[in-house]
Amino acid sequence: MSEKVTPIFALGNFVMDRLGNVTQYMFFYYYDPDNYYASLNKDLLNNELENIKENMQNFLDEEKIIINNEEVKAKVINTDIFLLDITHPVIEFIILFKGKLRKGINVYENMYEEEITEYPYEAIWRLPGKVVKVNMKGDITVFNNFLKIRVNKGIKVGGKEVIKFALR
């Protein structure tokens, strides 16, 4: 990746089904003033995608994801790059993980190193039951089984994040 390519926004969509399967769709938006990504031929683009996928997997491997007191591992299953325009590439990840759910209160925990956000981001969760408690940084909106988190640039995030939801 060119050193001049800078992140400007990220969006994560997390969908958890009643069986505990989580499909995570991540989109990272960049500003690319030198058109680095637009200039890549197919072979160079494929190499870049492999490097990006490996970097994201390494990042995920450093996180600790726990669902109902059992650690689970996230896996990057697909990575792609597309252009909004010649100076605005978007990197897309599809990530999967699975936990065991139960009737009553379920707990999702994510632990990762604290950091100061370099760009704003949003995360939207659709859970299989009503959200009852959230412990995350940012502006939190809960509507039944949907959770939306907005985090501005310059906010300290990380440590331990928790979502509790009820399954009937």
C-alpha atoms as a PDB file:
ATOM      1  CA  MET A   1       0.000   0.000   0.000  1.00  0.00           C
ATOM      2  CA  SER A   2       1.280   3.445  -0.839  1.00  0.00           C
ATOM      3  CA  GLU A   3       2.227   5.571   2.180  1.00  0.00           C
ATOM      4  CA  LYS A   4      -0.020   8.337   0.862  1.00  0.00           C
ATOM      5  CA  VAL A   5      -3.129   6.142   0.988  1.00  0.00           C
ATOM      6  CA  THR A   6      -4.974   7.260   4.130  1.00  0.00           C
ATOM      7  CA  PRO A   7      -8.065   5.806   5.813  1.00  0.00           C
ATOM      8  CA  ILE A   8     -11.042   8.167   5.977  1.00  0.00           C
ATOM      9  CA  PHE A   9     -13.935   6.007   7.248  1.00  0.00           C
ATOM     10  CA  ALA A  10     -14.896   2.424   8.130  1.00  0.00           C
ATOM     11  CA  LEU A  11     -18.213   0.615   8.315  1.00  0.00           C
ATOM     12  CA  GLY A  12     -18.797  -2.774   9.882  1.00  0.00           C
ATOM     13  CA  ASN A  13     -21.982  -4.819   9.631  1.00  0.00           C
ATOM     14  CA  PHE A  14     -22.322  -7.791  11.974  1.00  0.00           C
ATOM     15  CA  VAL A  15     -25.150 -10.289  11.555  1.00  0.00           C
ATOM     16  CA  MET A  16     -25.569 -13.029  14.175  1.00  0.00           C
ATOM     17  CA  ASP A  17     -28.124 -15.776  13.642  1.00  0.00           C
ATOM     18  CA  ARG A  18     -29.881 -17.907  16.290  1.00  0.00           C
ATOM     19  CA  LEU A  19     -27.249 -20.642  15.891  1.00  0.00           C
ATOM     20  CA  GLY A  20     -24.456 -18.229  16.868  1.00  0.00           C
ATOM     21  CA  ASN A  21     -23.016 -17.802  13.364  1.00  0.00           C
ATOM     22  CA  VAL A  22     -21.644 -14.288  12.860  1.00  0.00           C
ATOM     23  CA  THR A  23     -21.034 -12.849   9.411  1.00  0.00           C
ATOM     24  CA  GLN A  24     -19.075  -9.621   9.534  1.00  0.00           C
ATOM     25  CA  TYR A  25     -18.907  -7.321   6.506  1.00  0.00           C
ATOM     26  CA  MET A  26     -16.211  -4.641   6.851  1.00  0.00           C
ATOM     27  CA  PHE A  27     -15.650  -1.705   4.498  1.00  0.00           C
ATOM     28  CA  PHE A  28     -12.625   0.574   4.833  1.00  0.00           C
ATOM     29  CA  TYR A  29     -12.746   3.785   2.794  1.00  0.00           C
ATOM     30  CA  TYR A  30      -9.488   5.478   1.772  1.00  0.00           C
ATOM     31  CA  TYR A  31      -8.179   8.610   0.115  1.00  0.00           C
ATOM     32  CA  ASP A  32      -5.567   7.700  -2.504  1.00  0.00           C
ATOM     33  CA  PRO A  33      -4.160  10.942  -4.026  1.00  0.00           C
ATOM     34  CA  ASP A  34      -1.612   9.091  -6.218  1.00  0.00           C
ATOM     35  CA  ASN A  35      -4.173   6.591  -7.576  1.00  0.00           C
ATOM     36  CA  TYR A  36      -2.122   3.684  -6.254  1.00  0.00           C
ATOM     37  CA  TYR A  37      -4.965   1.163  -6.282  1.00  0.00           C
ATOM     38  CA  ALA A  38      -6.347   2.329  -9.634  1.00  0.00           C
ATOM     39  CA  SER A  39      -2.895   1.769 -11.179  1.00  0.00           C
ATOM     40  CA  LEU A  40      -2.503  -1.889 -10.147  1.00  0.00           C
ATOM     41  CA  ASN A  41      -2.631  -4.554 -12.834  1.00  0.00           C
ATOM     42  CA  LYS A  42      -4.422  -7.836 -12.113  1.00  0.00           C
ATOM     43  CA  ASP A  43      -1.343  -9.654 -10.729  1.00  0.00           C
ATOM     44  CA  LEU A  44      -0.313  -6.756  -8.506  1.00  0.00           C
ATOM     45  CA  LEU A  45      -3.896  -6.364  -7.313  1.00  0.00           C
ATOM     46  CA  ASN A  46      -4.096 -10.074  -6.417  1.00  0.00           C
ATOM     47  CA  ASN A  47      -0.814  -9.795  -4.474  1.00  0.00           C
ATOM     48  CA  GLU A  48      -2.129  -6.709  -2.682  1.00  0.00           C
ATOM     49  CA  LEU A  49      -5.357  -8.521  -1.797  1.00  0.00           C
ATOM     50  CA  GLU A  50      -3.415 -11.463  -0.339  1.00  0.00           C
ATOM     51  CA  ASN A  51      -1.276  -9.106   1.774  1.00  0.00           C
ATOM     52  CA  ILE A  52      -4.320  -7.178   2.980  1.00  0.00           C
ATOM     53  CA  LYS A  53      -6.173 -10.397   3.837  1.00  0.00           C
ATOM     54  CA  GLU A  54      -3.156 -11.708   5.783  1.00  0.00           C
ATOM     55  CA  ASN A  55      -2.777  -8.399   7.663  1.00  0.00           C
ATOM     56  CA  MET A  56      -6.450  -8.408   8.665  1.00  0.00           C
ATOM     57  CA  GLN A  57      -6.235 -12.036   9.770  1.00  0.00           C
ATOM     58  CA  ASN A  58      -3.177 -11.207  11.913  1.00  0.00           C
ATOM     59  CA  PHE A  59      -5.112  -8.325  13.487  1.00  0.00           C
ATOM     60  CA  LEU A  60      -8.087 -10.627  14.207  1.00  0.00           C
ATOM     61  CA  ASP A  61      -5.773 -13.252  15.688  1.00  0.00           C
ATOM     62  CA  GLU A  62      -4.599 -10.677  18.240  1.00  0.00           C
ATOM     63  CA  GLU A  63      -8.178 -10.013  19.379  1.00  0.00           C
ATOM     64  CA  LYS A  64      -9.926 -12.179  21.916  1.00  0.00           C
ATOM     65  CA  ILE A  65     -13.572 -12.888  21.054  1.00  0.00           C
ATOM     66  CA  ILE A  66     -15.649 -14.651  23.683  1.00  0.00           C
ATOM     67  CA  ILE A  67     -19.269 -15.746  23.324  1.00  0.00           C
ATOM     68  CA  ASN A  68     -20.865 -17.076  26.509  1.00  0.00           C
ATOM     69  CA  ASN A  69     -17.486 -17.683  28.188  1.00  0.00           C
ATOM     70  CA  GLU A  70     -16.041 -19.627  25.224  1.00  0.00           C
ATOM     71  CA  GLU A  71     -13.295 -18.131  23.069  1.00  0.00           C
ATOM     72  CA  VAL A  72     -13.986 -18.191  19.335  1.00  0.00           C
ATOM     73  CA  LYS A  73     -11.758 -17.353  16.371  1.00  0.00           C
ATOM     74  CA  ALA A  74     -12.634 -15.039  13.508  1.00  0.00           C
ATOM     75  CA  LYS A  75     -11.530 -15.944   9.982  1.00  0.00           C
ATOM     76  CA  VAL A  76     -11.252 -13.693   6.940  1.00  0.00           C
ATOM     77  CA  ILE A  77     -12.908 -15.589   4.097  1.00  0.00           C
ATOM     78  CA  ASN A  78     -12.863 -12.918   1.391  1.00  0.00           C
ATOM     79  CA  THR A  79     -11.164  -9.632   0.612  1.00  0.00           C
ATOM     80  CA  ASP A  80     -11.867  -7.292  -2.288  1.00  0.00           C
ATOM     81  CA  ILE A  81     -10.998  -3.788  -3.452  1.00  0.00           C
ATOM     82  CA  PHE A  82     -13.249  -1.517  -5.466  1.00  0.00           C
ATOM     83  CA  LEU A  83     -13.108   2.139  -6.396  1.00  0.00           C
ATOM     84  CA  LEU A  84     -15.738   4.758  -5.604  1.00  0.00           C
ATOM     85  CA  ASP A  85     -13.651   6.912  -7.927  1.00  0.00           C
ATOM     86  CA  ILE A  86      -9.971   6.956  -8.906  1.00  0.00           C
ATOM     87  CA  THR A  87      -8.872   8.499  -5.575  1.00  0.00           C
ATOM     88  CA  HIS A  88     -11.276   6.661  -3.238  1.00  0.00           C
ATOM     89  CA  PRO A  89     -10.680   2.908  -2.963  1.00  0.00           C
ATOM     90  CA  VAL A  90     -12.710   0.742  -0.625  1.00  0.00           C
ATOM     91  CA  ILE A  91     -11.362  -2.456   0.877  1.00  0.00           C
ATOM     92  CA  GLU A  92     -14.007  -5.027   1.742  1.00  0.00           C
ATOM     93  CA  PHE A  93     -13.659  -7.980   4.110  1.00  0.00           C
ATOM     94  CA  ILE A  94     -16.028 -10.824   4.844  1.00  0.00           C
ATOM     95  CA  ILE A  95     -15.232 -12.410   8.206  1.00  0.00           C
ATOM     96  CA  LEU A  96     -16.885 -15.381   9.931  1.00  0.00           C
ATOM     97  CA  PHE A  97     -16.970 -16.669  13.490  1.00  0.00           C
ATOM     98  CA  LYS A  98     -19.336 -18.794  15.544  1.00  0.00           C
ATOM     99  CA  GLY A  99     -20.303 -19.097  19.183  1.00  0.00           C
ATOM    100  CA  LYS A 100     -22.773 -21.218  21.123  1.00  0.00           C
ATOM    101  CA  LEU A 101     -25.950 -19.402  22.137  1.00  0.00           C
ATOM    102  CA  ARG A 102     -28.491 -20.350  24.776  1.00  0.00           C
ATOM    103  CA  LYS A 103     -31.944 -19.305  25.934  1.00  0.00           C
ATOM    104  CA  GLY A 104     -31.828 -16.286  28.213  1.00  0.00           C
ATOM    105  CA  ILE A 105     -28.967 -13.801  28.410  1.00  0.00           C
ATOM    106  CA  ASN A 106     -26.068 -14.249  25.961  1.00  0.00           C
ATOM    107  CA  VAL A 107     -22.800 -12.335  26.196  1.00  0.00           C
ATOM    108  CA  TYR A 108     -20.485 -11.302  23.360  1.00  0.00           C
ATOM    109  CA  GLU A 109     -17.103  -9.937  24.469  1.00  0.00           C
ATOM    110  CA  ASN A 110     -14.276  -8.568  22.354  1.00  0.00           C
ATOM    111  CA  MET A 111     -10.916  -7.662  23.842  1.00  0.00           C
ATOM    112  CA  TYR A 112      -8.250  -5.849  21.886  1.00  0.00           C
ATOM    113  CA  GLU A 113      -5.476  -3.377  22.448  1.00  0.00           C
ATOM    114  CA  GLU A 114      -6.562   0.166  23.256  1.00  0.00           C
ATOM    115  CA  GLU A 115      -5.927   2.732  20.550  1.00  0.00           C
ATOM    116  CA  ILE A 116      -6.928   6.217  19.449  1.00  0.00           C
ATOM    117  CA  THR A 117      -9.095   6.126  16.337  1.00  0.00           C
ATOM    118  CA  GLU A 118      -7.428   7.628  13.255  1.00  0.00           C
ATOM    119  CA  TYR A 119     -10.730   7.954  11.373  1.00  0.00           C
ATOM    120  CA  PRO A 120     -14.441   7.795  12.187  1.00  0.00           C
ATOM    121  CA  TYR A 121     -16.280   4.498  11.943  1.00  0.00           C
ATOM    122  CA  GLU A 122     -19.667   2.913  12.424  1.00  0.00           C
ATOM    123  CA  ALA A 123     -20.661  -0.615  13.345  1.00  0.00           C
ATOM    124  CA  ILE A 124     -24.133  -2.033  12.992  1.00  0.00           C
ATOM    125  CA  TRP A 125     -25.116  -5.262  14.729  1.00  0.00           C
ATOM    126  CA  ARG A 126     -28.194  -7.393  14.081  1.00  0.00           C
ATOM    127  CA  LEU A 127     -28.483  -9.892  16.910  1.00  0.00           C
ATOM    128  CA  PRO A 128     -30.919 -12.811  17.250  1.00  0.00           C
ATOM    129  CA  GLY A 129     -32.415 -11.374  20.442  1.00  0.00           C
ATOM    130  CA  LYS A 130     -33.119  -8.094  22.189  1.00  0.00           C
ATOM    131  CA  VAL A 131     -30.045  -6.085  23.190  1.00  0.00           C
ATOM    132  CA  VAL A 132     -30.115  -5.567  26.959  1.00  0.00           C
ATOM    133  CA  LYS A 133     -26.697  -4.037  27.709  1.00  0.00           C
ATOM    134  CA  VAL A 134     -23.800  -2.532  25.771  1.00  0.00           C
ATOM    135  CA  ASN A 135     -20.386  -1.521  27.026  1.00  0.00           C
ATOM    136  CA  MET A 136     -18.557   0.100  24.090  1.00  0.00           C
ATOM    137  CA  LYS A 137     -17.072   3.499  23.288  1.00  0.00           C
ATOM    138  CA  GLY A 138     -18.893   5.888  20.993  1.00  0.00           C
ATOM    139  CA  ASP A 139     -22.470   6.937  20.425  1.00  0.00           C
ATOM    140  CA  ILE A 140     -24.691   3.888  20.970  1.00  0.00           C
ATOM    141  CA  THR A 141     -28.197   3.456  19.582  1.00  0.00           C
ATOM    142  CA  VAL A 142     -30.218   0.351  20.424  1.00  0.00           C
ATOM    143  CA  PHE A 143     -33.507  -0.633  18.826  1.00  0.00           C
ATOM    144  CA  ASN A 144     -34.721  -4.058  19.963  1.00  0.00           C
ATOM    145  CA  ASN A 145     -32.199  -6.482  18.346  1.00  0.00           C
ATOM    146  CA  PHE A 146     -30.257  -3.806  16.427  1.00  0.00           C
ATOM    147  CA  LEU A 147     -27.246  -1.971  17.774  1.00  0.00           C
ATOM    148  CA  LYS A 148     -25.499   0.940  16.071  1.00  0.00           C
ATOM    149  CA  ILE A 149     -22.186   2.372  17.242  1.00  0.00           C
ATOM    150  CA  ARG A 150     -20.672   5.605  15.911  1.00  0.00           C
ATOM    151  CA  VAL A 151     -17.128   6.526  16.859  1.00  0.00           C
ATOM    152  CA  ASN A 152     -15.465   9.790  15.885  1.00  0.00           C
ATOM    153  CA  LYS A 153     -11.821  10.262  15.015  1.00  0.00           C
ATOM    154  CA  GLY A 154      -9.575  10.763  18.054  1.00  0.00           C
ATOM    155  CA  ILE A 155     -11.561   8.574  20.494  1.00  0.00           C
ATOM    156  CA  LYS A 156      -9.828   6.009  22.707  1.00  0.00           C
ATOM    157  CA  VAL A 157     -11.313   2.574  21.951  1.00  0.00           C
ATOM    158  CA  GLY A 158     -10.438  -1.002  22.732  1.00  0.00           C
ATOM    159  CA  GLY A 159      -9.885  -2.836  25.930  1.00  0.00           C
ATOM    160  CA  LYS A 160     -13.003  -4.882  26.621  1.00  0.00           C
ATOM    161  CA  GLU A 161     -16.269  -4.423  24.727  1.00  0.00           C
ATOM    162  CA  VAL A 162     -19.458  -6.232  25.743  1.00  0.00           C
ATOM    163  CA  ILE A 163     -22.882  -6.805  24.208  1.00  0.00           C
ATOM    164  CA  LYS A 164     -25.555  -8.671  26.162  1.00  0.00           C
ATOM    165  CA  PHE A 165     -28.722  -9.848  24.446  1.00  0.00           C
ATOM    166  CA  ALA A 166     -31.681 -12.003  25.409  1.00  0.00           C
ATOM    167  CA  LEU A 167     -32.856 -15.040  23.460  1.00  0.00           C
ATOM    168  CA  ARG A 168     -36.284 -16.551  24.000  1.00  0.00           C
END
